[in-house]
Amino acid sequence: MRTNQTRWNALGLAVASLLCLIGAPGVAEETEAAQAGAEWKAHLEGFAGVDEKGVDFWAPRLEILFDGIELGPEQQSQLDTKLAQLFADRDKLRDQMEQRDSAAAEGNQEGAKHYERKIEITRTSLKPINRMEQLREVLSEQQKSAYDLNRARVFAKYRKAAAQRARAGGKNPGVR
């Protein structure tokens, strides 16, 4: 029994390797994307205040956004600063929401409205389209053209996924 399982495992590995070698559509790209996504995931997990949801959201997008773009040390440092700010702003949003809820629970409608306005401003800045534009700022003019193409790929990929979720009755998650 174990011998048959070992054979099937070896056969599966051989077939997958063969498909990568002959260029089966998507197999090699998915493998490379998974490796690059894992690298971004590991990189993001080093940031303070980052949660698993944020890493799972941004790692695959960053992998596509920076595909084929070589960042210099200064650019990487600037990018890290912007990413750290993104996660800090997510924490800020959570705090603002707690303060709004607390003010509302105390009957302080003016305070709740005040925090609601702050929440709206923070949510707008956290929208992926706005954050992607901020990340673009660290690039040279030549890198920006590649980034813009990659950004279009990100939008196409995730709009398609959102449409599929909607057809299946799933909810398209917002920035929270």
Protein backbone atom coordinates (compact mmCIF):
# COMPACT_ATOMS: atom_id res chain seq x y z
CA MET A 1 0.00 0.00 0.00
CA ARG A 2 2.73 2.45 0.94
CA THR A 3 4.64 1.59 -2.22
CA ASN A 4 1.64 2.50 -4.39
CA GLN A 5 1.22 5.81 -2.57
CA THR A 6 4.91 6.58 -3.05
CA ARG A 7 4.58 5.79 -6.77
CA TRP A 8 1.56 8.07 -7.12
CA ASN A 9 3.40 10.88 -5.33
CA ALA A 10 6.42 10.43 -7.58
CA LEU A 11 4.22 10.32 -10.67
CA GLY A 12 2.41 13.49 -9.64
CA LEU A 13 5.71 15.26 -9.06
CA ALA A 14 7.02 14.08 -12.42
CA VAL A 15 3.90 15.26 -14.24
CA ALA A 16 4.02 18.67 -12.55
CA SER A 17 7.71 19.03 -13.41
CA LEU A 18 7.07 18.01 -17.00
CA LEU A 19 4.23 20.51 -17.31
CA CYS A 20 6.54 23.26 -16.05
CA LEU A 21 9.26 22.22 -18.51
CA ILE A 22 7.00 22.13 -21.55
CA GLY A 23 5.33 25.35 -20.56
CA ALA A 24 1.84 24.24 -19.68
CA PRO A 25 -0.28 27.37 -19.48
CA GLY A 26 -0.11 28.93 -16.06
CA VAL A 27 1.75 26.16 -14.20
CA ALA A 28 5.21 27.74 -14.18
CA GLU A 29 3.76 31.22 -13.65
CA GLU A 30 1.67 30.06 -10.70
CA THR A 31 4.70 28.40 -9.12
CA GLU A 32 6.80 31.55 -9.55
CA ALA A 33 3.94 33.72 -8.29
CA ALA A 34 3.52 31.53 -5.21
CA GLN A 35 7.24 31.84 -4.44
CA ALA A 36 7.24 35.61 -4.95
CA GLY A 37 4.03 35.94 -2.95
CA ALA A 38 5.63 33.96 -0.13
CA GLU A 39 8.63 36.32 -0.19
CA TRP A 40 6.37 39.37 0.07
CA LYS A 41 4.34 37.66 2.80
CA ALA A 42 7.47 37.00 4.85
CA HIS A 43 8.61 40.58 4.27
CA LEU A 44 5.29 42.07 5.39
CA GLU A 45 5.09 39.91 8.50
CA GLY A 46 8.10 41.83 9.84
CA PHE A 47 6.12 45.08 10.11
CA ALA A 48 4.73 46.26 13.43
CA GLY A 49 0.97 46.22 13.70
CA VAL A 50 0.46 43.95 10.71
CA ASP A 51 -2.23 41.34 10.94
CA GLU A 52 -2.73 38.18 8.91
CA LYS A 53 -5.61 39.70 6.96
CA GLY A 54 -3.45 42.62 5.86
CA VAL A 55 -0.59 40.35 4.83
CA ASP A 56 -2.95 38.04 2.93
CA PHE A 57 -4.45 41.03 1.14
CA TRP A 58 -1.25 42.87 0.20
CA ALA A 59 1.35 40.13 -0.42
CA PRO A 60 -0.13 38.81 -3.69
CA ARG A 61 -0.87 42.33 -4.91
CA LEU A 62 2.67 43.53 -4.19
CA GLU A 63 4.05 40.49 -5.98
CA ILE A 64 2.19 41.52 -9.14
CA LEU A 65 2.77 45.27 -8.71
CA PHE A 66 6.55 44.93 -8.49
CA ASP A 67 6.92 42.09 -10.99
CA GLY A 68 9.94 42.87 -13.16
CA ILE A 69 10.85 45.99 -11.17
CA GLU A 70 14.21 45.99 -9.44
CA LEU A 71 14.21 48.25 -6.39
CA GLY A 72 17.36 49.87 -5.13
CA PRO A 73 18.12 49.96 -1.39
CA GLU A 74 16.81 53.53 -1.00
CA GLN A 75 13.64 52.70 -2.93
CA GLN A 76 13.09 49.59 -0.80
CA SER A 77 13.50 51.68 2.33
CA GLN A 78 10.96 54.24 1.06
CA LEU A 79 8.56 51.45 0.09
CA ASP A 80 8.91 49.89 3.54
CA THR A 81 8.12 53.26 5.13
CA LYS A 82 4.95 53.55 3.03
CA LEU A 83 3.92 49.98 3.84
CA ALA A 84 4.52 50.55 7.55
CA GLN A 85 2.32 53.65 7.33
CA LEU A 86 -0.39 51.60 5.64
CA PHE A 87 -0.52 49.15 8.54
CA ALA A 88 -0.33 52.00 11.07
CA ASP A 89 -3.30 53.64 9.35
CA ARG A 90 -5.26 50.38 9.58
CA ASP A 91 -4.66 50.43 13.35
CA LYS A 92 -5.66 54.11 13.43
CA LEU A 93 -8.93 53.24 11.66
CA ARG A 94 -9.70 50.53 14.22
CA ASP A 95 -9.03 53.00 17.06
CA GLN A 96 -11.26 55.64 15.46
CA MET A 97 -14.06 53.10 15.07
CA GLU A 98 -13.75 52.11 18.74
CA GLN A 99 -13.83 55.77 19.81
CA ARG A 100 -16.90 56.42 17.64
CA ASP A 101 -18.68 53.39 19.11
CA SER A 102 -17.74 54.47 22.62
CA ALA A 103 -19.02 58.01 22.04
CA ALA A 104 -22.27 56.65 20.59
CA ALA A 105 -22.71 54.27 23.54
CA GLU A 106 -22.30 57.22 25.92
CA GLY A 107 -24.94 59.17 24.00
CA ASN A 108 -22.38 61.68 22.68
CA GLN A 109 -23.77 62.11 19.15
CA GLU A 110 -21.47 65.04 18.36
CA GLY A 111 -18.43 62.99 19.32
CA ALA A 112 -19.69 60.04 17.28
CA LYS A 113 -20.16 62.30 14.22
CA HIS A 114 -16.68 63.73 14.73
CA TYR A 115 -15.13 60.26 14.66
CA GLU A 116 -17.33 59.24 11.72
CA ARG A 117 -15.79 62.07 9.67
CA LYS A 118 -12.29 60.96 10.69
CA ILE A 119 -13.13 57.35 9.80
CA GLU A 120 -14.29 58.40 6.33
CA ILE A 121 -11.01 60.26 5.68
CA THR A 122 -8.93 57.32 6.89
CA ARG A 123 -10.98 54.81 4.86
CA THR A 124 -10.47 56.88 1.72
CA SER A 125 -6.71 56.91 2.24
CA LEU A 126 -6.74 53.15 2.82
CA LYS A 127 -8.47 52.30 -0.45
CA PRO A 128 -6.12 50.09 -2.47
CA ILE A 129 -6.22 52.41 -5.48
CA ASN A 130 -4.98 55.30 -3.31
CA ARG A 131 -2.33 53.17 -1.59
CA MET A 132 -1.08 51.81 -4.89
CA GLU A 133 -0.62 55.38 -6.09
CA GLN A 134 1.39 56.17 -2.95
CA LEU A 135 3.59 53.10 -3.48
CA ARG A 136 4.21 54.25 -7.06
CA GLU A 137 5.87 57.43 -5.76
CA VAL A 138 9.07 55.56 -4.82
CA LEU A 139 9.74 54.54 -8.43
CA SER A 140 11.75 56.17 -11.20
CA GLU A 141 9.93 57.33 -14.34
CA GLN A 142 11.07 54.23 -16.23
CA GLN A 143 9.86 51.91 -13.43
CA LYS A 144 6.51 53.70 -13.27
CA SER A 145 5.50 52.53 -16.74
CA ALA A 146 6.09 48.88 -15.75
CA TYR A 147 4.29 49.49 -12.46
CA ASP A 148 1.29 50.97 -14.27
CA LEU A 149 0.99 47.87 -16.43
CA ASN A 150 1.30 45.68 -13.35
CA ARG A 151 -1.33 47.74 -11.55
CA ALA A 152 -3.71 47.13 -14.44
CA ARG A 153 -3.04 43.39 -14.05
CA VAL A 154 -3.87 43.63 -10.33
CA PHE A 155 -7.16 45.41 -11.02
CA ALA A 156 -8.12 42.93 -13.73
CA LYS A 157 -7.31 39.93 -11.55
CA TYR A 158 -9.11 41.09 -8.43
CA ARG A 159 -12.11 42.60 -10.22
CA LYS A 160 -12.64 39.22 -11.86
CA ALA A 161 -12.35 37.50 -8.46
CA ALA A 162 -14.82 39.98 -6.90
CA ALA A 163 -17.29 39.37 -9.72
CA GLN A 164 -17.01 35.62 -9.21
CA ARG A 165 -17.62 36.02 -5.47
CA ALA A 166 -20.64 38.21 -6.16
CA ARG A 167 -22.12 35.65 -8.57
CA ALA A 168 -21.57 32.96 -5.96
CA GLY A 169 -23.40 35.06 -3.36
CA GLY A 170 -20.25 36.06 -1.48
CA LYS A 171 -19.60 39.53 -0.20
CA ASN A 172 -16.86 41.68 -1.67
CA PRO A 173 -14.82 42.71 1.40
CA GLY A 174 -14.25 46.41 1.93
CA VAL A 175 -11.38 48.10 3.71
CA ARG A 176 -11.91 47.58 7.41
